[in-house]
Amino acid sequence: VSGTDNQYIYRLDSNNGDWITPDHTYTTGTL
């Protein structure tokens, strides 16, 4: 997902996960 300041990689841990609240987020510029 592209945001205004960063881009994100979201991970859902199951195929019926919640797209609005992912299980894990990786953000550009961090870690």
Full PDB file with SEQRES, HELIX, SHEET, SSBOND, CRYST1, ORIGX, SCALE, CONECT and MASTER records, all heavy atoms in Angstrom:
SEQRES   1 A   31  VAL SER GLY THR ASP ASN GLN TYR ILE TYR ARG LEU ASP          
SEQRES   2 A   31  SER ASN ASN GLY ASP TRP ILE THR PRO ASP HIS THR TYR          
SEQRES   3 A   31  THR THR GLY THR LEU                                          
SHEET    1 AA1 2 TYR A   8  ARG A  11  0                                        
SHEET    2 AA1 2 HIS A  24  THR A  27 -1                                        
CRYST1    1.000    1.000    1.000  90.00  90.00  90.00 P 1           1          
ORIGX1      1.000000  0.000000  0.000000        0.00000                         
ORIGX2      0.000000  1.000000  0.000000        0.00000                         
ORIGX3      0.000000  0.000000  1.000000        0.00000                         
SCALE1      1.000000  0.000000  0.000000        0.00000                         
SCALE2      0.000000  1.000000  0.000000        0.00000                         
SCALE3      0.000000  0.000000  1.000000        0.00000                         
ATOM      1  N   VAL A   1       0.859  -1.177   0.000  1.00  0.00           N  
ATOM      2  CA  VAL A   1       0.000   0.000   0.000  1.00  0.00           C  
ATOM      3  C   VAL A   1       0.897   1.228   0.000  1.00  0.00           C  
ATOM      4  O   VAL A   1       1.885   1.279   0.732  1.00  0.00           O  
ATOM      5  CB  VAL A   1      -0.923   0.029   1.240  1.00  0.00           C  
ATOM      6  CG1 VAL A   1      -1.711   1.322   1.308  1.00  0.00           C  
ATOM      7  CG2 VAL A   1      -1.850  -1.171   1.256  1.00  0.00           C  
ATOM      8  N   SER A   2       0.560   2.204  -0.826  1.00  0.00           N  
ATOM      9  CA  SER A   2       1.301   3.463  -0.850  1.00  0.00           C  
ATOM     10  C   SER A   2       0.593   4.476   0.030  1.00  0.00           C  
ATOM     11  O   SER A   2      -0.601   4.710  -0.118  1.00  0.00           O  
ATOM     12  CB  SER A   2       1.374   4.013  -2.275  1.00  0.00           C  
ATOM     13  OG  SER A   2       2.097   3.149  -3.088  1.00  0.00           O  
ATOM     14  N   GLY A   3       1.359   5.075   0.946  1.00  0.00           N  
ATOM     15  CA  GLY A   3       0.829   6.136   1.788  1.00  0.00           C  
ATOM     16  C   GLY A   3       1.345   7.479   1.317  1.00  0.00           C  
ATOM     17  O   GLY A   3       2.014   7.579   0.285  1.00  0.00           O  
ATOM     18  N   THR A   4       1.057   8.516   2.055  1.00  0.00           N  
ATOM     19  CA  THR A   4       1.515   9.840   1.655  1.00  0.00           C  
ATOM     20  C   THR A   4       3.015  10.018   1.877  1.00  0.00           C  
ATOM     21  O   THR A   4       3.677  10.696   1.104  1.00  0.00           O  
ATOM     22  CB  THR A   4       0.755  10.932   2.430  1.00  0.00           C  
ATOM     23  OG1 THR A   4       0.872  10.670   3.831  1.00  0.00           O  
ATOM     24  CG2 THR A   4      -0.708  10.956   2.035  1.00  0.00           C  
ATOM     25  N   ASP A   5       3.559   9.417   2.923  1.00  0.00           N  
ATOM     26  CA  ASP A   5       4.978   9.551   3.227  1.00  0.00           C  
ATOM     27  C   ASP A   5       5.766   8.260   3.046  1.00  0.00           C  
ATOM     28  O   ASP A   5       6.967   8.292   2.829  1.00  0.00           O  
ATOM     29  CB  ASP A   5       5.173  10.029   4.672  1.00  0.00           C  
ATOM     30  CG  ASP A   5       4.616  11.418   4.898  1.00  0.00           C  
ATOM     31  OD1 ASP A   5       4.699  12.240   3.963  1.00  0.00           O  
ATOM     32  OD2 ASP A   5       4.087  11.670   5.990  1.00  0.00           O  
ATOM     33  N   ASN A   6       5.129   7.123   3.177  1.00  0.00           N  
ATOM     34  CA  ASN A   6       5.800   5.825   3.130  1.00  0.00           C  
ATOM     35  C   ASN A   6       5.007   4.842   2.287  1.00  0.00           C  
ATOM     36  O   ASN A   6       3.860   5.084   1.944  1.00  0.00           O  
ATOM     37  CB  ASN A   6       5.944   5.244   4.540  1.00  0.00           C  
ATOM     38  CG  ASN A   6       6.857   6.059   5.407  1.00  0.00           C  
ATOM     39  OD1 ASN A   6       8.006   6.281   5.063  1.00  0.00           O  
ATOM     40  ND2 ASN A   6       6.358   6.517   6.540  1.00  0.00           N  
ATOM     41  N   GLN A   7       5.667   3.717   2.001  1.00  0.00           N  
ATOM     42  CA  GLN A   7       4.971   2.580   1.412  1.00  0.00           C  
ATOM     43  C   GLN A   7       5.029   1.450   2.425  1.00  0.00           C  
ATOM     44  O   GLN A   7       5.944   1.385   3.251  1.00  0.00           O  
ATOM     45  CB  GLN A   7       5.593   2.169   0.091  1.00  0.00           C  
ATOM     46  CG  GLN A   7       5.335   3.175  -1.010  1.00  0.00           C  
ATOM     47  CD  GLN A   7       5.786   2.648  -2.354  1.00  0.00           C  
ATOM     48  OE1 GLN A   7       6.749   1.920  -2.460  1.00  0.00           O  
ATOM     49  NE2 GLN A   7       5.074   3.027  -3.396  1.00  0.00           N  
ATOM     50  N   TYR A   8       4.065   0.559   2.353  1.00  0.00           N  
ATOM     51  CA  TYR A   8       3.929  -0.494   3.355  1.00  0.00           C  
ATOM     52  C   TYR A   8       3.781  -1.854   2.696  1.00  0.00           C  
ATOM     53  O   TYR A   8       3.176  -1.977   1.635  1.00  0.00           O  
ATOM     54  CB  TYR A   8       2.687  -0.235   4.223  1.00  0.00           C  
ATOM     55  CG  TYR A   8       2.660   1.143   4.824  1.00  0.00           C  
ATOM     56  CD1 TYR A   8       2.057   2.199   4.158  1.00  0.00           C  
ATOM     57  CD2 TYR A   8       3.260   1.389   6.052  1.00  0.00           C  
ATOM     58  CE1 TYR A   8       2.038   3.474   4.700  1.00  0.00           C  
ATOM     59  CE2 TYR A   8       3.250   2.657   6.607  1.00  0.00           C  
ATOM     60  CZ  TYR A   8       2.637   3.693   5.925  1.00  0.00           C  
ATOM     61  OH  TYR A   8       2.631   4.953   6.464  1.00  0.00           O  
ATOM     62  N   ILE A   9       4.321  -2.872   3.365  1.00  0.00           N  
ATOM     63  CA  ILE A   9       4.021  -4.256   3.027  1.00  0.00           C  
ATOM     64  C   ILE A   9       3.192  -4.782   4.187  1.00  0.00           C  
ATOM     65  O   ILE A   9       3.626  -4.747   5.341  1.00  0.00           O  
ATOM     66  CB  ILE A   9       5.294  -5.112   2.870  1.00  0.00           C  
ATOM     67  CG1 ILE A   9       6.171  -4.569   1.742  1.00  0.00           C  
ATOM     68  CG2 ILE A   9       4.918  -6.571   2.620  1.00  0.00           C  
ATOM     69  CD1 ILE A   9       7.525  -5.254   1.658  1.00  0.00           C  
ATOM     70  N   TYR A  10       1.987  -5.229   3.896  1.00  0.00           N  
ATOM     71  CA  TYR A  10       1.110  -5.796   4.907  1.00  0.00           C  
ATOM     72  C   TYR A  10       1.068  -7.312   4.735  1.00  0.00           C  
ATOM     73  O   TYR A  10       1.132  -7.817   3.623  1.00  0.00           O  
ATOM     74  CB  TYR A  10      -0.307  -5.246   4.779  1.00  0.00           C  
ATOM     75  CG  TYR A  10      -0.444  -3.785   5.115  1.00  0.00           C  
ATOM     76  CD1 TYR A  10      -1.316  -2.981   4.411  1.00  0.00           C  
ATOM     77  CD2 TYR A  10       0.287  -3.200   6.140  1.00  0.00           C  
ATOM     78  CE1 TYR A  10      -1.466  -1.638   4.718  1.00  0.00           C  
ATOM     79  CE2 TYR A  10       0.149  -1.871   6.451  1.00  0.00           C  
ATOM     80  CZ  TYR A  10      -0.734  -1.090   5.743  1.00  0.00           C  
ATOM     81  OH  TYR A  10      -0.876   0.233   6.049  1.00  0.00           O  
ATOM     82  N   ARG A  11       0.947  -8.010   5.868  1.00  0.00           N  
ATOM     83  CA  ARG A  11       0.846  -9.475   5.840  1.00  0.00           C  
ATOM     84  C   ARG A  11      -0.398  -9.907   6.605  1.00  0.00           C  
ATOM     85  O   ARG A  11      -0.627  -9.497   7.742  1.00  0.00           O  
ATOM     86  CB  ARG A  11       2.074 -10.102   6.490  1.00  0.00           C  
ATOM     87  CG  ARG A  11       2.057 -11.637   6.393  1.00  0.00           C  
ATOM     88  CD  ARG A  11       3.200 -12.265   7.160  1.00  0.00           C  
ATOM     89  NE  ARG A  11       2.884 -12.256   8.577  1.00  0.00           N  
ATOM     90  CZ  ARG A  11       3.809 -12.141   9.545  1.00  0.00           C  
ATOM     91  NH1 ARG A  11       5.077 -12.009   9.260  1.00  0.00           N  
ATOM     92  NH2 ARG A  11       3.450 -12.142  10.807  1.00  0.00           N  
ATOM     93  N   LEU A  12      -1.194 -10.747   5.952  1.00  0.00           N  
ATOM     94  CA  LEU A  12      -2.308 -11.418   6.621  1.00  0.00           C  
ATOM     95  C   LEU A  12      -1.856 -12.840   6.910  1.00  0.00           C  
ATOM     96  O   LEU A  12      -1.314 -13.501   6.034  1.00  0.00           O  
ATOM     97  CB  LEU A  12      -3.548 -11.442   5.727  1.00  0.00           C  
ATOM     98  CG  LEU A  12      -4.117 -10.098   5.297  1.00  0.00           C  
ATOM     99  CD1 LEU A  12      -5.312 -10.313   4.371  1.00  0.00           C  
ATOM    100  CD2 LEU A  12      -4.526  -9.287   6.504  1.00  0.00           C  
ATOM    101  N   ASP A  13      -2.072 -13.306   8.123  1.00  0.00           N  
ATOM    102  CA  ASP A  13      -1.593 -14.635   8.502  1.00  0.00           C  
ATOM    103  C   ASP A  13      -2.559 -15.761   8.152  1.00  0.00           C  
ATOM    104  O   ASP A  13      -2.258 -16.925   8.381  1.00  0.00           O  
ATOM    105  CB  ASP A  13      -1.267 -14.669   9.994  1.00  0.00           C  
ATOM    106  CG  ASP A  13       0.008 -13.902  10.301  1.00  0.00           C  
ATOM    107  OD1 ASP A  13       0.808 -13.659   9.370  1.00  0.00           O  
ATOM    108  OD2 ASP A  13       0.215 -13.545  11.468  1.00  0.00           O  
ATOM    109  N   SER A  14      -3.711 -15.426   7.602  1.00  0.00           N  
ATOM    110  CA  SER A  14      -4.627 -16.462   7.138  1.00  0.00           C  
ATOM    111  C   SER A  14      -5.387 -15.920   5.938  1.00  0.00           C  
ATOM    112  O   SER A  14      -5.462 -14.712   5.726  1.00  0.00           O  
ATOM    113  CB  SER A  14      -5.597 -16.881   8.245  1.00  0.00           C  
ATOM    114  OG  SER A  14      -6.467 -15.821   8.548  1.00  0.00           O  
ATOM    115  N   ASN A  15      -5.966 -16.817   5.173  1.00  0.00           N  
ATOM    116  CA  ASN A  15      -6.652 -16.385   3.958  1.00  0.00           C  
ATOM    117  C   ASN A  15      -8.014 -15.755   4.237  1.00  0.00           C  
ATOM    118  O   ASN A  15      -8.698 -15.322   3.327  1.00  0.00           O  
ATOM    119  CB  ASN A  15      -6.791 -17.535   2.964  1.00  0.00           C  
ATOM    120  CG  ASN A  15      -7.518 -18.709   3.547  1.00  0.00           C  
ATOM    121  OD1 ASN A  15      -8.068 -18.634   4.634  1.00  0.00           O  
ATOM    122  ND2 ASN A  15      -7.517 -19.816   2.835  1.00  0.00           N  
ATOM    123  N   ASN A  16      -8.412 -15.700   5.489  1.00  0.00           N  
ATOM    124  CA  ASN A  16      -9.650 -15.007   5.840  1.00  0.00           C  
ATOM    125  C   ASN A  16      -9.379 -13.884   6.830  1.00  0.00           C  
ATOM    126  O   ASN A  16     -10.190 -13.559   7.669  1.00  0.00           O  
ATOM    127  CB  ASN A  16     -10.689 -15.989   6.402  1.00  0.00           C  
ATOM    128  CG  ASN A  16     -10.203 -16.703   7.644  1.00  0.00           C  
ATOM    129  OD1 ASN A  16      -9.073 -16.533   8.064  1.00  0.00           O  
ATOM    130  ND2 ASN A  16     -11.069 -17.502   8.237  1.00  0.00           N  
ATOM    131  N   GLY A  17      -8.188 -13.267   6.713  1.00  0.00           N  
ATOM    132  CA  GLY A  17      -7.789 -12.181   7.608  1.00  0.00           C  
ATOM    133  C   GLY A  17      -8.505 -10.880   7.314  1.00  0.00           C  
ATOM    134  O   GLY A  17      -9.235 -10.740   6.333  1.00  0.00           O  
ATOM    135  N   ASP A  18      -8.270  -9.905   8.167  1.00  0.00           N  
ATOM    136  CA  ASP A  18      -8.880  -8.589   8.059  1.00  0.00           C  
ATOM    137  C   ASP A  18      -7.959  -7.659   7.274  1.00  0.00           C  
ATOM    138  O   ASP A  18      -6.870  -7.327   7.728  1.00  0.00           O  
ATOM    139  CB  ASP A  18      -9.114  -8.040   9.472  1.00  0.00           C  
ATOM    140  CG  ASP A  18      -9.786  -6.689   9.465  1.00  0.00           C  
ATOM    141  OD1 ASP A  18     -10.020  -6.119   8.384  1.00  0.00           O  
ATOM    142  OD2 ASP A  18     -10.078  -6.198  10.570  1.00  0.00           O  
ATOM    143  N   TRP A  19      -8.387  -7.223   6.098  1.00  0.00           N  
ATOM    144  CA  TRP A  19      -7.562  -6.359   5.242  1.00  0.00           C  
ATOM    145  C   TRP A  19      -7.308  -5.009   5.897  1.00  0.00           C  
ATOM    146  O   TRP A  19      -6.299  -4.376   5.643  1.00  0.00           O  
ATOM    147  CB  TRP A  19      -8.253  -6.147   3.898  1.00  0.00           C  
ATOM    148  CG  TRP A  19      -8.234  -7.328   3.015  1.00  0.00           C  
ATOM    149  CD1 TRP A  19      -8.951  -8.472   3.165  1.00  0.00           C  
ATOM    150  CD2 TRP A  19      -7.438  -7.514   1.860  1.00  0.00           C  
ATOM    151  NE1 TRP A  19      -8.662  -9.354   2.161  1.00  0.00           N  
ATOM    152  CE2 TRP A  19      -7.735  -8.780   1.326  1.00  0.00           C  
ATOM    153  CE3 TRP A  19      -6.504  -6.725   1.192  1.00  0.00           C  
ATOM    154  CZ2 TRP A  19      -7.135  -9.278   0.192  1.00  0.00           C  
ATOM    155  CZ3 TRP A  19      -5.915  -7.207   0.052  1.00  0.00           C  
ATOM    156  CH2 TRP A  19      -6.226  -8.471  -0.436  1.00  0.00           C  
ATOM    157  N   ILE A  20      -8.214  -4.543   6.717  1.00  0.00           N  
ATOM    158  CA  ILE A  20      -8.077  -3.228   7.346  1.00  0.00           C  
ATOM    159  C   ILE A  20      -7.073  -3.279   8.494  1.00  0.00           C  
ATOM    160  O   ILE A  20      -6.340  -2.320   8.732  1.00  0.00           O  
ATOM    161  CB  ILE A  20      -9.451  -2.729   7.829  1.00  0.00           C  
ATOM    162  CG1 ILE A  20     -10.362  -2.524   6.614  1.00  0.00           C  
ATOM    163  CG2 ILE A  20      -9.325  -1.440   8.630  1.00  0.00           C  
ATOM    164  CD1 ILE A  20     -11.796  -2.241   6.956  1.00  0.00           C  
ATOM    165  N   THR A  21      -7.008  -4.399   9.199  1.00  0.00           N  
ATOM    166  CA  THR A  21      -6.077  -4.561  10.306  1.00  0.00           C  
ATOM    167  C   THR A  21      -5.191  -5.781  10.030  1.00  0.00           C  
ATOM    168  O   THR A  21      -5.467  -6.878  10.501  1.00  0.00           O  
ATOM    169  CB  THR A  21      -6.841  -4.761  11.639  1.00  0.00           C  
ATOM    170  OG1 THR A  21      -7.817  -3.738  11.772  1.00  0.00           O  
ATOM    171  CG2 THR A  21      -5.884  -4.715  12.818  1.00  0.00           C  
ATOM    172  N   PRO A  22      -4.099  -5.595   9.259  1.00  0.00           N  
ATOM    173  CA  PRO A  22      -3.237  -6.739   8.933  1.00  0.00           C  
ATOM    174  C   PRO A  22      -2.518  -7.259  10.176  1.00  0.00           C  
ATOM    175  O   PRO A  22      -2.390  -6.555  11.183  1.00  0.00           O  
ATOM    176  CB  PRO A  22      -2.256  -6.163   7.919  1.00  0.00           C  
ATOM    177  CG  PRO A  22      -2.252  -4.702   8.177  1.00  0.00           C  
ATOM    178  CD  PRO A  22      -3.609  -4.348   8.683  1.00  0.00           C  
ATOM    179  N   ASP A  23      -2.044  -8.502  10.088  1.00  0.00           N  
ATOM    180  CA  ASP A  23      -1.340  -9.119  11.211  1.00  0.00           C  
ATOM    181  C   ASP A  23       0.063  -8.555  11.403  1.00  0.00           C  
ATOM    182  O   ASP A  23       0.593  -8.563  12.512  1.00  0.00           O  
ATOM    183  CB  ASP A  23      -1.267 -10.635  11.008  1.00  0.00           C  
ATOM    184  CG  ASP A  23      -2.648 -11.243  10.991  1.00  0.00           C  
ATOM    185  OD1 ASP A  23      -3.367 -11.097  11.994  1.00  0.00           O  
ATOM    186  OD2 ASP A  23      -3.016 -11.846   9.966  1.00  0.00           O  
ATOM    187  N   HIS A  24       0.675  -8.082  10.325  1.00  0.00           N  
ATOM    188  CA  HIS A  24       2.022  -7.510  10.437  1.00  0.00           C  
ATOM    189  C   HIS A  24       2.214  -6.446   9.358  1.00  0.00           C  
ATOM    190  O   HIS A  24       1.673  -6.568   8.264  1.00  0.00           O  
ATOM    191  CB  HIS A  24       3.089  -8.589  10.295  1.00  0.00           C  
ATOM    192  CG  HIS A  24       4.424  -8.148  10.766  1.00  0.00           C  
ATOM    193  ND1 HIS A  24       4.764  -8.087  12.091  1.00  0.00           N  
ATOM    194  CD2 HIS A  24       5.496  -7.680  10.094  1.00  0.00           C  
ATOM    195  CE1 HIS A  24       5.992  -7.632  12.218  1.00  0.00           C  
ATOM    196  NE2 HIS A  24       6.460  -7.364  11.007  1.00  0.00           N  
ATOM    197  N   THR A  25       2.999  -5.414   9.700  1.00  0.00           N  
ATOM    198  CA  THR A  25       3.266  -4.319   8.767  1.00  0.00           C  
ATOM    199  C   THR A  25       4.757  -4.047   8.699  1.00  0.00           C  
ATOM    200  O   THR A  25       5.427  -3.961   9.730  1.00  0.00           O  
ATOM    201  CB  THR A  25       2.550  -3.028   9.220  1.00  0.00           C  
ATOM    202  OG1 THR A  25       1.154  -3.277   9.323  1.00  0.00           O  
ATOM    203  CG2 THR A  25       2.812  -1.890   8.248  1.00  0.00           C  
ATOM    204  N   TYR A  26       5.283  -3.927   7.491  1.00  0.00           N  
ATOM    205  CA  TYR A  26       6.651  -3.470   7.253  1.00  0.00           C  
ATOM    206  C   TYR A  26       6.542  -2.112   6.571  1.00  0.00           C  
ATOM    207  O   TYR A  26       5.795  -1.956   5.610  1.00  0.00           O  
ATOM    208  CB  TYR A  26       7.408  -4.439   6.347  1.00  0.00           C  
ATOM    209  CG  TYR A  26       7.515  -5.836   6.903  1.00  0.00           C  
ATOM    210  CD1 TYR A  26       6.762  -6.869   6.375  1.00  0.00           C  
ATOM    211  CD2 TYR A  26       8.365  -6.113   7.969  1.00  0.00           C  
ATOM    212  CE1 TYR A  26       6.854  -8.156   6.883  1.00  0.00           C  
ATOM    213  CE2 TYR A  26       8.459  -7.392   8.487  1.00  0.00           C  
ATOM    214  CZ  TYR A  26       7.700  -8.410   7.945  1.00  0.00           C  
ATOM    215  OH  TYR A  26       7.794  -9.680   8.453  1.00  0.00           O  
ATOM    216  N   THR A  27       7.293  -1.120   7.059  1.00  0.00           N  
ATOM    217  CA  THR A  27       7.207   0.245   6.552  1.00  0.00           C  
ATOM    218  C   THR A  27       8.533   0.678   5.969  1.00  0.00           C  
ATOM    219  O   THR A  27       9.584   0.445   6.570  1.00  0.00           O  
ATOM    220  CB  THR A  27       6.824   1.212   7.700  1.00  0.00           C  
ATOM    221  OG1 THR A  27       5.634   0.741   8.326  1.00  0.00           O  
ATOM    222  CG2 THR A  27       6.604   2.622   7.181  1.00  0.00           C  
ATOM    223  N   THR A  28       8.492   1.332   4.794  1.00  0.00           N  
ATOM    224  CA  THR A  28       9.738   1.851   4.214  1.00  0.00           C  
ATOM    225  C   THR A  28      10.355   2.855   5.183  1.00  0.00           C  
ATOM    226  O   THR A  28       9.662   3.565   5.906  1.00  0.00           O  
ATOM    227  CB  THR A  28       9.479   2.533   2.855  1.00  0.00           C  
ATOM    228  OG1 THR A  28       8.482   3.538   3.016  1.00  0.00           O  
ATOM    229  CG2 THR A  28       9.068   1.541   1.797  1.00  0.00           C  
ATOM    230  N   GLY A  29      11.686   2.880   5.209  1.00  0.00           N  
ATOM    231  CA  GLY A  29      12.418   3.776   6.094  1.00  0.00           C  
ATOM    232  C   GLY A  29      12.659   3.217   7.484  1.00  0.00           C  
ATOM    233  O   GLY A  29      13.293   3.858   8.312  1.00  0.00           O  
ATOM    234  N   THR A  30      12.145   2.015   7.783  1.00  0.00           N  
ATOM    235  CA  THR A  30      12.328   1.416   9.106  1.00  0.00           C  
ATOM    236  C   THR A  30      12.847  -0.009   8.985  1.00  0.00           C  
ATOM    237  O   THR A  30      12.642  -0.682   7.983  1.00  0.00           O  
ATOM    238  CB  THR A  30      11.005   1.377   9.897  1.00  0.00           C  
ATOM    239  OG1 THR A  30      10.073   0.544   9.228  1.00  0.00           O  
ATOM    240  CG2 THR A  30      10.419   2.772  10.065  1.00  0.00           C  
ATOM    241  N   LEU A  31      13.520  -0.466  10.007  1.00  0.00           N  
ATOM    242  CA  LEU A  31      14.028  -1.829  10.136  1.00  0.00           C  
ATOM    243  C   LEU A  31      14.628  -2.349   8.842  1.00  0.00           C  
ATOM    244  O   LEU A  31      15.533  -1.751   8.294  1.00  0.00           O  
ATOM    245  CB  LEU A  31      12.935  -2.756  10.659  1.00  0.00           C  
ATOM    246  CG  LEU A  31      12.398  -2.393  12.040  1.00  0.00           C  
ATOM    247  CD1 LEU A  31      11.188  -3.234  12.383  1.00  0.00           C  
ATOM    248  CD2 LEU A  31      13.466  -2.532  13.095  1.00  0.00           C  
TER     249      LEU A  31                                                      
MASTER        0    0    0    0    2    0    0    6  248    1    0    3          
END                                                                             
